[in-house]
């Protein structure tokens, strides 16, 4: 797995949100938002839309990000919507903060933020 692992420094949230989430190679869902800590300085997890159409929380510490997938060892690492709501309330989300993208550094630190572009005037 080491050769498939992405270098975290310089990884963008946009890249991360386009990787499928898999459990032992089986596709279980897609990340739809990045969840940040309360200070907005570090990514702590993902809001994953699973194949059963439920949203679940995936802690980044429990995942291995590779070039072609986000891999987890067990489906039990995808927490229920109750836990997802808890992490959303305690922290914030990339989309909820009106951000388009973020550049992630070591230990999932936010190195840079990219704001949404304002809508063109009519």
N, C-alpha and C. Protein backbone atom coordinates (compact mmCIF):
# COMPACT_ATOMS: atom_id res chain seq x y z
N UNK A 1 0.80 -1.19 0.00
CA UNK A 1 0.00 0.00 0.00
C UNK A 1 0.85 1.26 0.00
N UNK A 2 2.08 1.18 0.47
CA UNK A 2 2.92 2.35 0.57
C UNK A 2 3.10 3.08 -0.74
N UNK A 3 3.22 2.39 -1.86
CA UNK A 3 3.42 3.05 -3.14
C UNK A 3 2.15 3.72 -3.64
N UNK A 4 0.98 3.31 -3.12
CA UNK A 4 -0.29 3.88 -3.53
C UNK A 4 -0.68 5.07 -2.66
N UNK A 5 0.03 5.28 -1.57
CA UNK A 5 -0.32 6.33 -0.64
C UNK A 5 0.09 7.70 -1.19
N UNK A 6 -0.83 8.65 -1.11
CA UNK A 6 -0.55 10.00 -1.59
C UNK A 6 0.28 10.76 -0.57
N UNK A 7 1.10 11.64 -1.06
CA UNK A 7 1.82 12.56 -0.19
C UNK A 7 0.79 13.57 0.29
N UNK A 8 0.63 13.69 1.60
CA UNK A 8 -0.40 14.57 2.14
C UNK A 8 -0.10 16.04 1.88
N UNK A 9 1.14 16.44 2.02
CA UNK A 9 1.49 17.85 1.84
C UNK A 9 1.11 18.29 0.42
N UNK A 10 0.29 19.35 0.34
CA UNK A 10 -0.11 19.88 -0.95
C UNK A 10 -1.35 19.23 -1.54
N UNK A 11 -1.88 18.22 -0.88
CA UNK A 11 -3.13 17.58 -1.33
C UNK A 11 -4.26 18.58 -1.17
N UNK A 12 -5.12 18.69 -2.16
CA UNK A 12 -6.24 19.61 -2.04
C UNK A 12 -7.50 18.86 -1.61
N UNK A 13 -8.38 19.59 -0.96
CA UNK A 13 -9.67 19.01 -0.56
C UNK A 13 -10.42 18.55 -1.81
N UNK A 14 -10.34 19.31 -2.87
CA UNK A 14 -11.03 18.95 -4.12
C UNK A 14 -10.57 17.58 -4.62
N UNK A 15 -9.29 17.32 -4.56
CA UNK A 15 -8.76 16.01 -4.95
C UNK A 15 -9.31 14.93 -4.05
N UNK A 16 -9.27 15.18 -2.75
CA UNK A 16 -9.77 14.23 -1.76
C UNK A 16 -11.24 13.91 -1.98
N UNK A 17 -12.04 14.92 -2.30
CA UNK A 17 -13.48 14.74 -2.47
C UNK A 17 -13.85 14.02 -3.78
N UNK A 18 -12.88 13.77 -4.62
CA UNK A 18 -13.13 13.03 -5.86
C UNK A 18 -12.67 11.57 -5.79
N UNK A 19 -12.21 11.15 -4.64
CA UNK A 19 -11.75 9.77 -4.49
C UNK A 19 -12.86 8.91 -3.89
N UNK A 20 -13.08 7.72 -4.43
CA UNK A 20 -14.08 6.83 -3.83
C UNK A 20 -13.60 6.29 -2.49
N UNK A 21 -14.56 6.01 -1.60
CA UNK A 21 -14.24 5.39 -0.32
C UNK A 21 -14.49 3.90 -0.49
N UNK A 22 -13.48 3.11 -0.12
CA UNK A 22 -13.57 1.66 -0.27
C UNK A 22 -13.17 0.95 1.01
N UNK A 23 -13.86 -0.15 1.28
CA UNK A 23 -13.53 -1.04 2.38
C UNK A 23 -13.00 -2.32 1.77
N UNK A 24 -11.70 -2.58 1.98
CA UNK A 24 -11.04 -3.75 1.40
C UNK A 24 -11.37 -3.90 -0.10
N UNK A 25 -11.31 -2.80 -0.82
CA UNK A 25 -11.51 -2.80 -2.26
C UNK A 25 -12.96 -2.69 -2.72
N UNK A 26 -13.91 -2.75 -1.80
CA UNK A 26 -15.33 -2.66 -2.16
C UNK A 26 -15.79 -1.22 -2.00
N UNK A 27 -16.34 -0.67 -3.08
CA UNK A 27 -16.81 0.72 -3.07
C UNK A 27 -17.99 0.87 -2.11
N UNK A 28 -17.89 1.82 -1.18
CA UNK A 28 -18.99 2.05 -0.23
C UNK A 28 -19.56 3.46 -0.31
N UNK A 29 -18.87 4.40 -0.95
CA UNK A 29 -19.42 5.74 -1.03
C UNK A 29 -18.44 6.76 -1.57
N UNK A 30 -18.91 8.02 -1.56
CA UNK A 30 -18.12 9.16 -2.05
C UNK A 30 -18.11 10.26 -0.98
N UNK A 31 -16.97 10.86 -0.74
CA UNK A 31 -16.95 12.00 0.18
C UNK A 31 -17.64 13.20 -0.47
N UNK A 32 -18.44 13.91 0.31
CA UNK A 32 -19.15 15.08 -0.23
C UNK A 32 -18.75 16.38 0.45
N UNK A 33 -18.07 16.29 1.60
CA UNK A 33 -17.61 17.50 2.26
C UNK A 33 -16.47 17.15 3.21
N UNK A 34 -15.65 18.13 3.46
CA UNK A 34 -14.53 18.01 4.38
C UNK A 34 -14.93 18.65 5.70
N UNK A 35 -14.75 17.93 6.79
CA UNK A 35 -15.11 18.44 8.10
C UNK A 35 -13.84 18.92 8.81
N UNK A 36 -13.92 20.15 9.31
CA UNK A 36 -12.78 20.81 9.94
C UNK A 36 -12.98 20.87 11.45
N UNK A 37 -11.89 21.03 12.19
CA UNK A 37 -12.01 21.20 13.64
C UNK A 37 -12.68 22.53 13.95
N UNK A 38 -12.94 22.77 15.24
CA UNK A 38 -13.67 23.97 15.65
C UNK A 38 -12.97 25.25 15.23
N UNK A 39 -11.65 25.24 15.23
CA UNK A 39 -10.89 26.44 14.85
C UNK A 39 -10.77 26.59 13.33
N UNK A 40 -11.13 25.55 12.57
CA UNK A 40 -11.00 25.60 11.12
C UNK A 40 -9.58 25.50 10.64
N UNK A 41 -8.70 24.94 11.47
CA UNK A 41 -7.27 24.88 11.12
C UNK A 41 -6.80 23.51 10.68
N UNK A 42 -7.66 22.50 10.89
CA UNK A 42 -7.25 21.13 10.57
C UNK A 42 -8.46 20.34 10.09
N UNK A 43 -8.25 19.51 9.07
CA UNK A 43 -9.31 18.61 8.61
C UNK A 43 -9.35 17.42 9.56
N UNK A 44 -10.55 17.05 10.00
CA UNK A 44 -10.66 15.91 10.91
C UNK A 44 -11.40 14.74 10.30
N UNK A 45 -12.20 14.99 9.27
CA UNK A 45 -12.95 13.88 8.69
C UNK A 45 -13.68 14.26 7.42
N UNK A 46 -14.45 13.30 6.96
CA UNK A 46 -15.22 13.46 5.73
C UNK A 46 -16.68 13.12 5.97
N UNK A 47 -17.56 13.85 5.31
CA UNK A 47 -18.97 13.48 5.21
C UNK A 47 -19.03 12.59 3.98
N UNK A 48 -19.35 11.30 4.18
CA UNK A 48 -19.37 10.34 3.08
C UNK A 48 -20.81 9.97 2.75
N UNK A 49 -21.19 10.14 1.49
CA UNK A 49 -22.49 9.68 1.01
C UNK A 49 -22.31 8.23 0.60
N UNK A 50 -22.90 7.33 1.37
CA UNK A 50 -22.72 5.90 1.14
C UNK A 50 -23.69 5.36 0.11
N UNK A 51 -23.43 4.15 -0.35
CA UNK A 51 -24.25 3.52 -1.40
C UNK A 51 -25.70 3.36 -0.97
N UNK A 52 -25.97 3.28 0.33
CA UNK A 52 -27.36 3.17 0.81
C UNK A 52 -28.01 4.54 0.97
N UNK A 53 -27.37 5.59 0.46
CA UNK A 53 -27.81 6.98 0.46
C UNK A 53 -27.79 7.63 1.84
N UNK A 54 -27.15 6.99 2.81
CA UNK A 54 -26.97 7.58 4.13
C UNK A 54 -25.65 8.34 4.17
N UNK A 55 -25.63 9.43 4.90
CA UNK A 55 -24.39 10.18 5.13
C UNK A 55 -23.75 9.64 6.40
N UNK A 56 -22.44 9.42 6.34
CA UNK A 56 -21.70 8.91 7.49
C UNK A 56 -20.41 9.70 7.65
N UNK A 57 -19.89 9.70 8.89
CA UNK A 57 -18.64 10.39 9.20
C UNK A 57 -17.48 9.41 9.11
N UNK A 58 -16.43 9.83 8.42
CA UNK A 58 -15.20 9.05 8.35
C UNK A 58 -14.07 9.91 8.88
N UNK A 59 -13.50 9.50 10.01
CA UNK A 59 -12.35 10.21 10.57
C UNK A 59 -11.15 10.00 9.66
N UNK A 60 -10.46 11.06 9.31
CA UNK A 60 -9.29 10.93 8.44
C UNK A 60 -8.20 10.10 9.10
N UNK A 61 -8.14 10.11 10.42
CA UNK A 61 -7.15 9.30 11.12
C UNK A 61 -7.37 7.80 10.92
N UNK A 62 -8.60 7.42 10.56
CA UNK A 62 -8.93 6.00 10.37
C UNK A 62 -8.85 5.58 8.91
N UNK A 63 -8.45 6.50 8.04
CA UNK A 63 -8.43 6.23 6.60
C UNK A 63 -7.02 6.30 6.05
N UNK A 64 -6.82 5.61 4.95
CA UNK A 64 -5.57 5.73 4.21
C UNK A 64 -5.90 6.30 2.83
N UNK A 65 -5.34 7.45 2.56
CA UNK A 65 -5.62 8.11 1.29
C UNK A 65 -4.59 7.65 0.27
N UNK A 66 -5.07 7.04 -0.79
CA UNK A 66 -4.21 6.59 -1.86
C UNK A 66 -4.44 7.40 -3.12
N UNK A 67 -3.71 7.07 -4.15
CA UNK A 67 -3.82 7.80 -5.41
C UNK A 67 -5.19 7.64 -6.06
N UNK A 68 -5.83 6.47 -5.86
CA UNK A 68 -7.10 6.18 -6.54
C UNK A 68 -8.27 5.93 -5.60
N UNK A 69 -8.03 5.95 -4.28
CA UNK A 69 -9.12 5.68 -3.34
C UNK A 69 -8.77 6.13 -1.93
N UNK A 70 -9.81 6.24 -1.13
CA UNK A 70 -9.67 6.40 0.31
C UNK A 70 -10.06 5.04 0.87
N UNK A 71 -9.12 4.42 1.54
CA UNK A 71 -9.31 3.05 2.00
C UNK A 71 -9.51 3.01 3.51
N UNK A 72 -10.48 2.21 3.94
CA UNK A 72 -10.69 1.96 5.37
C UNK A 72 -10.73 0.46 5.58
N UNK A 73 -10.28 0.01 6.74
CA UNK A 73 -10.19 -1.41 7.02
C UNK A 73 -11.51 -2.08 7.35
N UNK A 74 -12.48 -1.29 7.78
CA UNK A 74 -13.76 -1.86 8.20
C UNK A 74 -14.87 -0.85 7.97
N UNK A 75 -16.05 -1.35 7.63
CA UNK A 75 -17.21 -0.47 7.46
C UNK A 75 -17.59 0.18 8.79
N UNK A 76 -17.15 -0.39 9.90
CA UNK A 76 -17.45 0.17 11.21
C UNK A 76 -16.76 1.51 11.45
N UNK A 77 -15.77 1.85 10.63
CA UNK A 77 -15.12 3.15 10.76
C UNK A 77 -15.97 4.27 10.17
N UNK A 78 -16.99 3.91 9.41
CA UNK A 78 -17.93 4.90 8.88
C UNK A 78 -19.04 5.06 9.91
N UNK A 79 -18.99 6.16 10.65
CA UNK A 79 -19.92 6.36 11.76
C UNK A 79 -21.28 6.87 11.27
N UNK A 80 -22.30 6.68 12.08
CA UNK A 80 -23.67 7.00 11.70
C UNK A 80 -23.91 8.50 11.56
N UNK A 81 -25.09 8.83 11.09
CA UNK A 81 -25.47 10.23 10.93
C UNK A 81 -25.51 10.97 12.27
N UNK A 82 -25.71 10.26 13.37
CA UNK A 82 -25.68 10.90 14.70
C UNK A 82 -24.28 11.43 14.98
N UNK A 83 -23.26 10.59 14.76
CA UNK A 83 -21.89 11.03 14.96
C UNK A 83 -21.50 12.10 13.95
N UNK A 84 -21.98 11.97 12.72
CA UNK A 84 -21.72 13.00 11.70
C UNK A 84 -22.26 14.34 12.17
N UNK A 85 -23.48 14.35 12.69
CA UNK A 85 -24.08 15.60 13.18
C UNK A 85 -23.25 16.19 14.31
N UNK A 86 -22.75 15.34 15.20
CA UNK A 86 -21.90 15.80 16.30
C UNK A 86 -20.66 16.51 15.77
N UNK A 87 -19.95 15.88 14.84
CA UNK A 87 -18.72 16.50 14.31
C UNK A 87 -19.02 17.75 13.51
N UNK A 88 -20.13 17.79 12.80
CA UNK A 88 -20.52 19.00 12.08
C UNK A 88 -20.81 20.14 13.05
N UNK A 89 -21.48 19.84 14.17
CA UNK A 89 -21.83 20.86 15.16
C UNK A 89 -20.59 21.35 15.92
N UNK A 90 -19.67 20.46 16.24
CA UNK A 90 -18.47 20.82 17.00
C UNK A 90 -17.43 21.53 16.15
N UNK A 91 -17.47 21.29 14.86
CA UNK A 91 -16.50 21.90 13.96
C UNK A 91 -17.22 22.71 12.89
N UNK A 92 -16.72 22.63 11.69
CA UNK A 92 -17.35 23.28 10.55
C UNK A 92 -17.03 22.44 9.31
N UNK A 93 -17.60 22.82 8.20
CA UNK A 93 -17.32 22.10 6.96
C UNK A 93 -16.76 23.07 5.94
N UNK A 94 -16.06 22.52 4.99
CA UNK A 94 -15.49 23.34 3.92
C UNK A 94 -16.60 24.09 3.20
N UNK A 95 -17.64 23.37 2.79
CA UNK A 95 -18.75 24.00 2.06
C UNK A 95 -19.53 24.97 2.95
N UNK A 96 -19.72 24.59 4.22
CA UNK A 96 -20.46 25.44 5.15
C UNK A 96 -19.77 26.77 5.42
N UNK A 97 -18.47 26.79 5.26
CA UNK A 97 -17.71 28.02 5.44
C UNK A 97 -17.63 28.83 4.15
N UNK A 98 -18.32 28.37 3.10
CA UNK A 98 -18.31 29.08 1.83
C UNK A 98 -17.00 28.98 1.09
N UNK A 99 -16.29 27.87 1.31
CA UNK A 99 -14.99 27.69 0.68
C UNK A 99 -15.09 26.69 -0.46
N UNK A 100 -14.31 26.94 -1.50
CA UNK A 100 -14.30 26.06 -2.66
C UNK A 100 -13.27 24.97 -2.51
N UNK A 101 -12.15 25.28 -1.87
CA UNK A 101 -11.09 24.30 -1.77
C UNK A 101 -10.15 24.67 -0.62
N UNK A 102 -9.32 23.72 -0.25
CA UNK A 102 -8.30 23.94 0.77
C UNK A 102 -7.09 23.12 0.39
N UNK A 103 -5.93 23.63 0.74
CA UNK A 103 -4.69 22.89 0.55
C UNK A 103 -4.33 22.30 1.91
N UNK A 104 -4.14 20.98 1.93
CA UNK A 104 -3.89 20.27 3.18
C UNK A 104 -2.40 20.01 3.35
N UNK A 105 -1.95 20.13 4.57
CA UNK A 105 -0.56 19.88 4.89
C UNK A 105 -0.43 18.65 5.77
N UNK A 106 0.71 18.54 6.43
CA UNK A 106 0.95 17.40 7.31
C UNK A 106 -0.06 17.37 8.45
N UNK A 107 -0.42 16.17 8.86
CA UNK A 107 -1.39 15.97 9.94
C UNK A 107 -2.73 16.64 9.63
N UNK A 108 -3.04 16.76 8.35
CA UNK A 108 -4.31 17.31 7.86
C UNK A 108 -4.50 18.79 8.20
N UNK A 109 -3.39 19.48 8.47
CA UNK A 109 -3.45 20.92 8.73
C UNK A 109 -3.88 21.65 7.46
N UNK A 110 -4.65 22.71 7.62
CA UNK A 110 -5.06 23.54 6.48
C UNK A 110 -3.94 24.54 6.21
N UNK A 111 -3.29 24.41 5.07
CA UNK A 111 -2.20 25.32 4.71
C UNK A 111 -2.69 26.54 3.94
N UNK A 112 -3.80 26.38 3.20
CA UNK A 112 -4.35 27.49 2.44
C UNK A 112 -5.82 27.22 2.15
N UNK A 113 -6.59 28.28 2.01
CA UNK A 113 -8.02 28.18 1.70
C UNK A 113 -8.32 28.89 0.39
N UNK A 114 -9.28 28.37 -0.34
CA UNK A 114 -9.72 29.00 -1.59
C UNK A 114 -11.20 29.31 -1.44
N UNK A 115 -11.54 30.59 -1.46
CA UNK A 115 -12.92 31.02 -1.29
C UNK A 115 -13.73 30.77 -2.57
N UNK A 116 -15.05 30.64 -2.36
CA UNK A 116 -15.95 30.53 -3.52
C UNK A 116 -15.88 31.84 -4.29
N UNK A 117 -15.98 31.75 -5.61
CA UNK A 117 -16.01 32.96 -6.42
C UNK A 117 -17.39 33.56 -6.33
N UNK A 118 -17.50 34.86 -6.19
CA UNK A 118 -18.82 35.48 -6.11
C UNK A 118 -19.58 35.29 -7.42
N UNK A 119 -20.89 35.22 -7.31
CA UNK A 119 -21.73 35.07 -8.51
C UNK A 119 -21.63 36.35 -9.34
N UNK A 120 -21.61 36.20 -10.68
CA UNK A 120 -21.52 37.38 -11.53
C UNK A 120 -22.76 38.27 -11.37
N UNK A 121 -22.55 39.58 -11.45
CA UNK A 121 -23.66 40.52 -11.33
C UNK A 121 -24.56 40.41 -12.55
N UNK A 122 -25.85 40.55 -12.31
CA UNK A 122 -26.83 40.43 -13.40
C UNK A 122 -26.93 41.68 -14.22
